[in-house]
Amino acid sequence: DNNLTVRHLLNTHLHLDHVLGNAFVERTYGVKAEA
């Protein structure tokens, strides 16, 4: 709705609760996580 292009997926750390969406974001927007 805001016509955004995802450029970065940033994780503050990699405990399970903070990475649950990484696969979805990579699959949907083609952006890999940075941590």
PDB file of all heavy atoms in Angstrom:
ATOM      1  N   ASP A   1       0.809  -1.218   0.000  1.00  0.00           N
ATOM      2  CA  ASP A   1       0.000   0.000   0.000  1.00  0.00           C
ATOM      3  C   ASP A   1       0.844   1.270   0.000  1.00  0.00           C
ATOM      4  O   ASP A   1       0.378   2.336  -0.436  1.00  0.00           O
ATOM      5  CB  ASP A   1      -0.949   0.006   1.206  1.00  0.00           C
ATOM      6  CG  ASP A   1      -2.083  -1.007   1.067  1.00  0.00           C
ATOM      7  OD1 ASP A   1      -2.207  -1.612  -0.021  1.00  0.00           O
ATOM      8  OD2 ASP A   1      -2.823  -1.194   2.050  1.00  0.00           O
ATOM      9  N   ASN A   2       2.054   1.165   0.495  1.00  0.00           N
ATOM     10  CA  ASN A   2       2.943   2.335   0.519  1.00  0.00           C
ATOM     11  C   ASN A   2       3.989   2.301  -0.598  1.00  0.00           C
ATOM     12  O   ASN A   2       4.909   3.119  -0.606  1.00  0.00           O
ATOM     13  CB  ASN A   2       3.623   2.431   1.883  1.00  0.00           C
ATOM     14  CG  ASN A   2       2.662   2.881   2.969  1.00  0.00           C
ATOM     15  OD1 ASN A   2       2.371   4.068   3.100  1.00  0.00           O
ATOM     16  ND2 ASN A   2       2.145   1.923   3.727  1.00  0.00           N
ATOM     17  N   ASN A   3       3.803   1.372  -1.532  1.00  0.00           N
ATOM     18  CA  ASN A   3       4.682   1.266  -2.709  1.00  0.00           C
ATOM     19  C   ASN A   3       6.156   1.199  -2.309  1.00  0.00           C
ATOM     20  O   ASN A   3       7.000   1.905  -2.880  1.00  0.00           O
ATOM     21  CB  ASN A   3       4.448   2.444  -3.657  1.00  0.00           C
ATOM     22  CG  ASN A   3       3.037   2.473  -4.201  1.00  0.00           C
ATOM     23  OD1 ASN A   3       2.530   1.463  -4.698  1.00  0.00           O
ATOM     24  ND2 ASN A   3       2.377   3.626  -4.094  1.00  0.00           N
ATOM     25  N   LEU A   4       6.446   0.345  -1.345  1.00  0.00           N
ATOM     26  CA  LEU A   4       7.810   0.239  -0.844  1.00  0.00           C
ATOM     27  C   LEU A   4       8.594  -0.856  -1.563  1.00  0.00           C
ATOM     28  O   LEU A   4       8.028  -1.877  -1.974  1.00  0.00           O
ATOM     29  CB  LEU A   4       7.799  -0.060   0.661  1.00  0.00           C
ATOM     30  CG  LEU A   4       7.058   0.936   1.553  1.00  0.00           C
ATOM     31  CD1 LEU A   4       7.176   0.530   3.005  1.00  0.00           C
ATOM     32  CD2 LEU A   4       7.561   2.358   1.333  1.00  0.00           C
ATOM     33  N   THR A   5       9.875  -0.633  -1.680  1.00  0.00           N
ATOM     34  CA  THR A   5      10.807  -1.640  -2.177  1.00  0.00           C
ATOM     35  C   THR A   5      11.743  -1.998  -1.035  1.00  0.00           C
ATOM     36  O   THR A   5      12.463  -1.128  -0.530  1.00  0.00           O
ATOM     37  CB  THR A   5      11.620  -1.112  -3.361  1.00  0.00           C
ATOM     38  OG1 THR A   5      10.734  -0.740  -4.422  1.00  0.00           O
ATOM     39  CG2 THR A   5      12.583  -2.180  -3.865  1.00  0.00           C
ATOM     40  N   VAL A   6      11.719  -3.240  -0.596  1.00  0.00           N
ATOM     41  CA  VAL A   6      12.548  -3.668   0.533  1.00  0.00           C
ATOM     42  C   VAL A   6      14.002  -3.766   0.083  1.00  0.00           C
ATOM     43  O   VAL A   6      14.335  -4.531  -0.838  1.00  0.00           O
ATOM     44  CB  VAL A   6      12.063  -5.010   1.098  1.00  0.00           C
ATOM     45  CG1 VAL A   6      12.961  -5.462   2.242  1.00  0.00           C
ATOM     46  CG2 VAL A   6      10.612  -4.893   1.571  1.00  0.00           C
ATOM     47  N   ARG A   7      14.866  -3.000   0.735  1.00  0.00           N
ATOM     48  CA  ARG A   7      16.295  -2.991   0.401  1.00  0.00           C
ATOM     49  C   ARG A   7      17.142  -3.751   1.422  1.00  0.00           C
ATOM     50  O   ARG A   7      18.199  -4.280   1.072  1.00  0.00           O
ATOM     51  CB  ARG A   7      16.802  -1.549   0.316  1.00  0.00           C
ATOM     52  CG  ARG A   7      16.088  -0.677  -0.703  1.00  0.00           C
ATOM     53  CD  ARG A   7      16.262  -1.180  -2.120  1.00  0.00           C
ATOM     54  NE  ARG A   7      15.709  -0.228  -3.096  1.00  0.00           N
ATOM     55  CZ  ARG A   7      15.627  -0.485  -4.410  1.00  0.00           C
ATOM     56  NH1 ARG A   7      16.051  -1.635  -4.888  1.00  0.00           N
ATOM     57  NH2 ARG A   7      15.109   0.433  -5.220  1.00  0.00           N
ATOM     58  N   HIS A   8      16.692  -3.766   2.676  1.00  0.00           N
ATOM     59  CA  HIS A   8      17.468  -4.428   3.725  1.00  0.00           C
ATOM     60  C   HIS A   8      16.538  -5.154   4.691  1.00  0.00           C
ATOM     61  O   HIS A   8      15.483  -4.634   5.056  1.00  0.00           O
ATOM     62  CB  HIS A   8      18.290  -3.421   4.524  1.00  0.00           C
ATOM     63  CG  HIS A   8      19.386  -2.756   3.756  1.00  0.00           C
ATOM     64  ND1 HIS A   8      20.597  -3.359   3.492  1.00  0.00           N
ATOM     65  CD2 HIS A   8      19.444  -1.528   3.181  1.00  0.00           C
ATOM     66  CE1 HIS A   8      21.354  -2.535   2.803  1.00  0.00           C
ATOM     67  NE2 HIS A   8      20.685  -1.419   2.594  1.00  0.00           N
ATOM     68  N   LEU A   9      16.962  -6.349   5.102  1.00  0.00           N
ATOM     69  CA  LEU A   9      16.352  -7.086   6.206  1.00  0.00           C
ATOM     70  C   LEU A   9      17.430  -7.169   7.285  1.00  0.00           C
ATOM     71  O   LEU A   9      18.434  -7.857   7.112  1.00  0.00           O
ATOM     72  CB  LEU A   9      15.933  -8.483   5.751  1.00  0.00           C
ATOM     73  CG  LEU A   9      15.087  -9.367   6.679  1.00  0.00           C
ATOM     74  CD1 LEU A   9      14.809 -10.713   5.993  1.00  0.00           C
ATOM     75  CD2 LEU A   9      15.703  -9.630   8.035  1.00  0.00           C
ATOM     76  N   LEU A  10      17.233  -6.469   8.388  1.00  0.00           N
ATOM     77  CA  LEU A  10      18.223  -6.416   9.457  1.00  0.00           C
ATOM     78  C   LEU A  10      17.723  -7.169  10.682  1.00  0.00           C
ATOM     79  O   LEU A  10      16.593  -6.948  11.129  1.00  0.00           O
ATOM     80  CB  LEU A  10      18.516  -4.963   9.843  1.00  0.00           C
ATOM     81  CG  LEU A  10      18.963  -4.028   8.715  1.00  0.00           C
ATOM     82  CD1 LEU A  10      19.198  -2.629   9.278  1.00  0.00           C
ATOM     83  CD2 LEU A  10      20.212  -4.548   8.033  1.00  0.00           C
ATOM     84  N   ASN A  11      18.563  -8.041  11.210  1.00  0.00           N
ATOM     85  CA  ASN A  11      18.253  -8.723  12.471  1.00  0.00           C
ATOM     86  C   ASN A  11      19.130  -8.154  13.575  1.00  0.00           C
ATOM     87  O   ASN A  11      20.357  -8.091  13.429  1.00  0.00           O
ATOM     88  CB  ASN A  11      18.512 -10.220  12.373  1.00  0.00           C
ATOM     89  CG  ASN A  11      17.470 -10.971  11.568  1.00  0.00           C
ATOM     90  OD1 ASN A  11      17.815 -11.805  10.726  1.00  0.00           O
ATOM     91  ND2 ASN A  11      16.202 -10.708  11.806  1.00  0.00           N
ATOM     92  N   THR A  12      18.509  -7.765  14.674  1.00  0.00           N
ATOM     93  CA  THR A  12      19.283  -7.306  15.825  1.00  0.00           C
ATOM     94  C   THR A  12      20.071  -8.453  16.435  1.00  0.00           C
ATOM     95  O   THR A  12      21.130  -8.243  17.023  1.00  0.00           O
ATOM     96  CB  THR A  12      18.377  -6.681  16.897  1.00  0.00           C
ATOM     97  OG1 THR A  12      17.371  -7.642  17.285  1.00  0.00           O
ATOM     98  CG2 THR A  12      17.691  -5.426  16.369  1.00  0.00           C
ATOM     99  N   HIS A  13      19.550  -9.659  16.342  1.00  0.00           N
ATOM    100  CA  HIS A  13      20.248 -10.876  16.759  1.00  0.00           C
ATOM    101  C   HIS A  13      19.483 -12.055  16.165  1.00  0.00           C
ATOM    102  O   HIS A  13      18.448 -11.861  15.518  1.00  0.00           O
ATOM    103  CB  HIS A  13      20.368 -10.962  18.277  1.00  0.00           C
ATOM    104  CG  HIS A  13      19.070 -11.036  19.021  1.00  0.00           C
ATOM    105  ND1 HIS A  13      18.140 -10.018  19.006  1.00  0.00           N
ATOM    106  CD2 HIS A  13      18.529 -12.016  19.790  1.00  0.00           C
ATOM    107  CE1 HIS A  13      17.095 -10.357  19.749  1.00  0.00           C
ATOM    108  NE2 HIS A  13      17.304 -11.577  20.213  1.00  0.00           N
ATOM    109  N   LEU A  14      19.993 -13.270  16.393  1.00  0.00           N
ATOM    110  CA  LEU A  14      19.445 -14.408  15.667  1.00  0.00           C
ATOM    111  C   LEU A  14      18.789 -15.452  16.558  1.00  0.00           C
ATOM    112  O   LEU A  14      18.711 -16.629  16.190  1.00  0.00           O
ATOM    113  CB  LEU A  14      20.551 -15.054  14.814  1.00  0.00           C
ATOM    114  CG  LEU A  14      21.135 -14.143  13.730  1.00  0.00           C
ATOM    115  CD1 LEU A  14      22.251 -14.855  12.970  1.00  0.00           C
ATOM    116  CD2 LEU A  14      20.056 -13.661  12.770  1.00  0.00           C
ATOM    117  N   HIS A  15      18.279 -15.049  17.721  1.00  0.00           N
ATOM    118  CA  HIS A  15      17.421 -15.960  18.481  1.00  0.00           C
ATOM    119  C   HIS A  15      16.161 -16.242  17.659  1.00  0.00           C
ATOM    120  O   HIS A  15      15.720 -15.410  16.857  1.00  0.00           O
ATOM    121  CB  HIS A  15      17.042 -15.355  19.838  1.00  0.00           C
ATOM    122  CG  HIS A  15      18.146 -15.393  20.835  1.00  0.00           C
ATOM    123  ND1 HIS A  15      18.279 -14.467  21.843  1.00  0.00           N
ATOM    124  CD2 HIS A  15      19.197 -16.256  20.995  1.00  0.00           C
ATOM    125  CE1 HIS A  15      19.341 -14.738  22.579  1.00  0.00           C
ATOM    126  NE2 HIS A  15      19.913 -15.820  22.083  1.00  0.00           N
ATOM    127  N   LEU A  16      15.580 -17.401  17.899  1.00  0.00           N
ATOM    128  CA  LEU A  16      14.485 -17.886  17.062  1.00  0.00           C
ATOM    129  C   LEU A  16      13.370 -16.875  16.877  1.00  0.00           C
ATOM    130  O   LEU A  16      12.864 -16.678  15.764  1.00  0.00           O
ATOM    131  CB  LEU A  16      13.904 -19.175  17.673  1.00  0.00           C
ATOM    132  CG  LEU A  16      12.729 -19.790  16.917  1.00  0.00           C
ATOM    133  CD1 LEU A  16      13.169 -20.311  15.562  1.00  0.00           C
ATOM    134  CD2 LEU A  16      12.079 -20.905  17.733  1.00  0.00           C
ATOM    135  N   ASP A  17      12.955 -16.205  17.950  1.00  0.00           N
ATOM    136  CA  ASP A  17      11.793 -15.317  17.857  1.00  0.00           C
ATOM    137  C   ASP A  17      12.036 -14.127  16.931  1.00  0.00           C
ATOM    138  O   ASP A  17      11.076 -13.519  16.445  1.00  0.00           O
ATOM    139  CB  ASP A  17      11.344 -14.830  19.244  1.00  0.00           C
ATOM    140  CG  ASP A  17      12.440 -14.183  20.058  1.00  0.00           C
ATOM    141  OD1 ASP A  17      13.617 -14.562  19.885  1.00  0.00           O
ATOM    142  OD2 ASP A  17      12.132 -13.305  20.888  1.00  0.00           O
ATOM    143  N   HIS A  18      13.295 -13.806  16.656  1.00  0.00           N
ATOM    144  CA  HIS A  18      13.606 -12.654  15.808  1.00  0.00           C
ATOM    145  C   HIS A  18      13.876 -13.025  14.353  1.00  0.00           C
ATOM    146  O   HIS A  18      14.052 -12.130  13.527  1.00  0.00           O
ATOM    147  CB  HIS A  18      14.788 -11.878  16.388  1.00  0.00           C
ATOM    148  CG  HIS A  18      14.416 -11.087  17.605  1.00  0.00           C
ATOM    149  ND1 HIS A  18      14.240  -9.716  17.592  1.00  0.00           N
ATOM    150  CD2 HIS A  18      14.141 -11.479  18.875  1.00  0.00           C
ATOM    151  CE1 HIS A  18      13.894  -9.307  18.799  1.00  0.00           C
ATOM    152  NE2 HIS A  18      13.824 -10.360  19.591  1.00  0.00           N
ATOM    153  N   VAL A  19      13.913 -14.308  14.048  1.00  0.00           N
ATOM    154  CA  VAL A  19      14.209 -14.723  12.667  1.00  0.00           C
ATOM    155  C   VAL A  19      13.049 -15.461  12.011  1.00  0.00           C
ATOM    156  O   VAL A  19      13.182 -15.956  10.887  1.00  0.00           O
ATOM    157  CB  VAL A  19      15.482 -15.606  12.598  1.00  0.00           C
ATOM    158  CG1 VAL A  19      16.678 -14.848  13.172  1.00  0.00           C
ATOM    159  CG2 VAL A  19      15.293 -16.938  13.307  1.00  0.00           C
ATOM    160  N   LEU A  20      11.909 -15.521  12.667  1.00  0.00           N
ATOM    161  CA  LEU A  20      10.786 -16.300  12.145  1.00  0.00           C
ATOM    162  C   LEU A  20      10.312 -15.806  10.778  1.00  0.00           C
ATOM    163  O   LEU A  20       9.758 -16.582  10.004  1.00  0.00           O
ATOM    164  CB  LEU A  20       9.620 -16.277  13.137  1.00  0.00           C
ATOM    165  CG  LEU A  20       9.828 -17.068  14.431  1.00  0.00           C
ATOM    166  CD1 LEU A  20       8.654 -16.842  15.382  1.00  0.00           C
ATOM    167  CD2 LEU A  20       9.995 -18.548  14.147  1.00  0.00           C
ATOM    168  N   GLY A  21      10.513 -14.526  10.470  1.00  0.00           N
ATOM    169  CA  GLY A  21      10.051 -13.989   9.197  1.00  0.00           C
ATOM    170  C   GLY A  21      11.113 -13.917   8.121  1.00  0.00           C
ATOM    171  O   GLY A  21      10.820 -13.495   6.988  1.00  0.00           O
ATOM    172  N   ASN A  22      12.328 -14.359   8.421  1.00  0.00           N
ATOM    173  CA  ASN A  22      13.409 -14.205   7.443  1.00  0.00           C
ATOM    174  C   ASN A  22      13.141 -14.949   6.142  1.00  0.00           C
ATOM    175  O   ASN A  22      13.384 -14.425   5.049  1.00  0.00           O
ATOM    176  CB  ASN A  22      14.732 -14.687   8.044  1.00  0.00           C
ATOM    177  CG  ASN A  22      15.320 -13.699   9.028  1.00  0.00           C
ATOM    178  OD1 ASN A  22      14.638 -12.779   9.490  1.00  0.00           O
ATOM    179  ND2 ASN A  22      16.576 -13.877   9.378  1.00  0.00           N
ATOM    180  N   ALA A  23      12.646 -16.165   6.243  1.00  0.00           N
ATOM    181  CA  ALA A  23      12.386 -16.949   5.033  1.00  0.00           C
ATOM    182  C   ALA A  23      11.296 -16.301   4.189  1.00  0.00           C
ATOM    183  O   ALA A  23      11.398 -16.232   2.956  1.00  0.00           O
ATOM    184  CB  ALA A  23      11.994 -18.379   5.407  1.00  0.00           C
ATOM    185  N   PHE A  24      10.244 -15.803   4.835  1.00  0.00           N
ATOM    186  CA  PHE A  24       9.157 -15.138   4.112  1.00  0.00           C
ATOM    187  C   PHE A  24       9.660 -13.901   3.386  1.00  0.00           C
ATOM    188  O   PHE A  24       9.347 -13.688   2.208  1.00  0.00           O
ATOM    189  CB  PHE A  24       8.037 -14.761   5.087  1.00  0.00           C
ATOM    190  CG  PHE A  24       7.025 -13.814   4.493  1.00  0.00           C
ATOM    191  CD1 PHE A  24       6.097 -14.261   3.565  1.00  0.00           C
ATOM    192  CD2 PHE A  24       7.006 -12.483   4.865  1.00  0.00           C
ATOM    193  CE1 PHE A  24       5.166 -13.391   3.003  1.00  0.00           C
ATOM    194  CE2 PHE A  24       6.081 -11.600   4.310  1.00  0.00           C
ATOM    195  CZ  PHE A  24       5.162 -12.060   3.376  1.00  0.00           C
ATOM    196  N   VAL A  25      10.438 -13.077   4.063  1.00  0.00           N
ATOM    197  CA  VAL A  25      10.943 -11.850   3.442  1.00  0.00           C
ATOM    198  C   VAL A  25      11.871 -12.173   2.278  1.00  0.00           C
ATOM    199  O   VAL A  25      11.776 -11.568   1.200  1.00  0.00           O
ATOM    200  CB  VAL A  25      11.651 -10.961   4.487  1.00  0.00           C
ATOM    201  CG1 VAL A  25      12.363  -9.793   3.811  1.00  0.00           C
ATOM    202  CG2 VAL A  25      10.633 -10.432   5.509  1.00  0.00           C
ATOM    203  N   GLU A  26      12.763 -13.140   2.465  1.00  0.00           N
ATOM    204  CA  GLU A  26      13.666 -13.502   1.367  1.00  0.00           C
ATOM    205  C   GLU A  26      12.883 -14.042   0.177  1.00  0.00           C
ATOM    206  O   GLU A  26      13.152 -13.683  -0.978  1.00  0.00           O
ATOM    207  CB  GLU A  26      14.681 -14.538   1.841  1.00  0.00           C
ATOM    208  CG  GLU A  26      15.652 -14.947   0.747  1.00  0.00           C
ATOM    209  CD  GLU A  26      16.745 -15.873   1.234  1.00  0.00           C
ATOM    210  OE1 GLU A  26      17.188 -15.742   2.401  1.00  0.00           O
ATOM    211  OE2 GLU A  26      17.172 -16.752   0.445  1.00  0.00           O
ATOM    212  N   ARG A  27      11.909 -14.901   0.445  1.00  0.00           N
ATOM    213  CA  ARG A  27      11.115 -15.498  -0.630  1.00  0.00           C
ATOM    214  C   ARG A  27      10.267 -14.459  -1.356  1.00  0.00           C
ATOM    215  O   ARG A  27      10.116 -14.497  -2.578  1.00  0.00           O
ATOM    216  CB  ARG A  27      10.225 -16.583  -0.031  1.00  0.00           C
ATOM    217  CG  ARG A  27       9.395 -17.365  -1.017  1.00  0.00           C
ATOM    218  CD  ARG A  27       8.745 -18.555  -0.348  1.00  0.00           C
ATOM    219  NE  ARG A  27       7.830 -18.184   0.722  1.00  0.00           N
ATOM    220  CZ  ARG A  27       8.050 -18.419   2.011  1.00  0.00           C
ATOM    221  NH1 ARG A  27       9.176 -19.024   2.402  1.00  0.00           N
ATOM    222  NH2 ARG A  27       7.174 -18.056   2.926  1.00  0.00           N
ATOM    223  N   THR A  28       9.710 -13.514  -0.618  1.00  0.00           N
ATOM    224  CA  THR A  28       8.765 -12.555  -1.179  1.00  0.00           C
ATOM    225  C   THR A  28       9.455 -11.360  -1.830  1.00  0.00           C
ATOM    226  O   THR A  28       9.012 -10.875  -2.875  1.00  0.00           O
ATOM    227  CB  THR A  28       7.804 -12.058  -0.081  1.00  0.00           C
ATOM    228  OG1 THR A  28       7.187 -13.199   0.548  1.00  0.00           O
ATOM    229  CG2 THR A  28       6.724 -11.162  -0.664  1.00  0.00           C
ATOM    230  N   TYR A  29      10.541 -10.885  -1.199  1.00  0.00           N
ATOM    231  CA  TYR A  29      11.160  -9.636  -1.655  1.00  0.00           C
ATOM    232  C   TYR A  29      12.582  -9.822  -2.173  1.00  0.00           C
ATOM    233  O   TYR A  29      13.208  -8.852  -2.610  1.00  0.00           O
ATOM    234  CB  TYR A  29      11.129  -8.606  -0.526  1.00  0.00           C
ATOM    235  CG  TYR A  29       9.723  -8.349  -0.043  1.00  0.00           C
ATOM    236  CD1 TYR A  29       9.278  -8.837   1.181  1.00  0.00           C
ATOM    237  CD2 TYR A  29       8.815  -7.654  -0.844  1.00  0.00           C
ATOM    238  CE1 TYR A  29       7.968  -8.615   1.605  1.00  0.00           C
ATOM    239  CE2 TYR A  29       7.506  -7.438  -0.429  1.00  0.00           C
ATOM    240  CZ  TYR A  29       7.098  -7.929   0.799  1.00  0.00           C
ATOM    241  OH  TYR A  29       5.797  -7.728   1.211  1.00  0.00           O
ATOM    242  N   GLY A  30      13.103 -11.040  -2.114  1.00  0.00           N
ATOM    243  CA  GLY A  30      14.428 -11.303  -2.660  1.00  0.00           C
ATOM    244  C   GLY A  30      15.561 -10.676  -1.885  1.00  0.00           C
ATOM    245  O   GLY A  30      16.629 -10.419  -2.445  1.00  0.00           O
ATOM    246  N   VAL A  31      15.340 -10.448  -0.595  1.00  0.00           N
ATOM    247  CA  VAL A  31      16.346  -9.799   0.248  1.00  0.00           C
ATOM    248  C   VAL A  31      16.775 -10.764   1.345  1.00  0.00           C
ATOM    249  O   VAL A  31      15.933 -11.300   2.064  1.00  0.00           O
ATOM    250  CB  VAL A  31      15.782  -8.505   0.875  1.00  0.00           C
ATOM    251  CG1 VAL A  31      16.799  -7.877   1.817  1.00  0.00           C
ATOM    252  CG2 VAL A  31      15.391  -7.519  -0.211  1.00  0.00           C
ATOM    253  N   LYS A  32      18.064 -10.976   1.471  1.00  0.00           N
ATOM    254  CA  LYS A  32      18.595 -11.850   2.507  1.00  0.00           C
ATOM    255  C   LYS A  32      18.890 -11.064   3.783  1.00  0.00           C
ATOM    256  O   LYS A  32      19.179  -9.871   3.740  1.00  0.00           O
ATOM    257  CB  LYS A  32      19.878 -12.531   2.029  1.00  0.00           C
ATOM    258  CG  LYS A  32      19.657 -13.597   0.957  1.00  0.00           C
ATOM    259  CD  LYS A  32      20.976 -14.232   0.573  1.00  0.00           C
ATOM    260  CE  LYS A  32      20.773 -15.425  -0.355  1.00  0.00           C
ATOM    261  NZ  LYS A  32      20.144 -16.571   0.326  1.00  0.00           N
ATOM    262  N   ALA A  33      18.825 -11.765   4.906  1.00  0.00           N
ATOM    263  CA  ALA A  33      19.045 -11.127   6.195  1.00  0.00           C
ATOM    264  C   ALA A  33      20.494 -10.723   6.386  1.00  0.00           C
ATOM    265  O   ALA A  33      21.424 -11.375   5.890  1.00  0.00           O
ATOM    266  CB  ALA A  33      18.624 -12.073   7.320  1.00  0.00           C
ATOM    267  N   GLU A  34      20.674  -9.642   7.144  1.00  0.00           N
ATOM    268  CA  GLU A  34      21.993  -9.156   7.544  1.00  0.00           C
ATOM    269  C   GLU A  34      22.037  -9.132   9.068  1.00  0.00           C
ATOM    270  O   GLU A  34      21.124  -8.617   9.716  1.00  0.00           O
ATOM    271  CB  GLU A  34      22.235  -7.759   6.988  1.00  0.00           C
ATOM    272  CG  GLU A  34      22.155  -7.673   5.463  1.00  0.00           C
ATOM    273  CD  GLU A  34      22.078  -6.242   4.972  1.00  0.00           C
ATOM    274  OE1 GLU A  34      23.022  -5.464   5.263  1.00  0.00           O
ATOM    275  OE2 GLU A  34      21.091  -5.901   4.303  1.00  0.00           O
ATOM    276  N   ALA A  35      23.095  -9.715   9.628  1.00  0.00           N
ATOM    277  CA  ALA A  35      23.246  -9.766  11.083  1.00  0.00           C
ATOM    278  C   ALA A  35      24.720  -9.935  11.403  1.00  0.00           C
ATOM    279  O   ALA A  35      25.564 -10.097  10.517  1.00  0.00           O
ATOM    280  CB  ALA A  35      22.425 -10.915  11.666  1.00  0.00           C
TER     281      ALA A  35
END
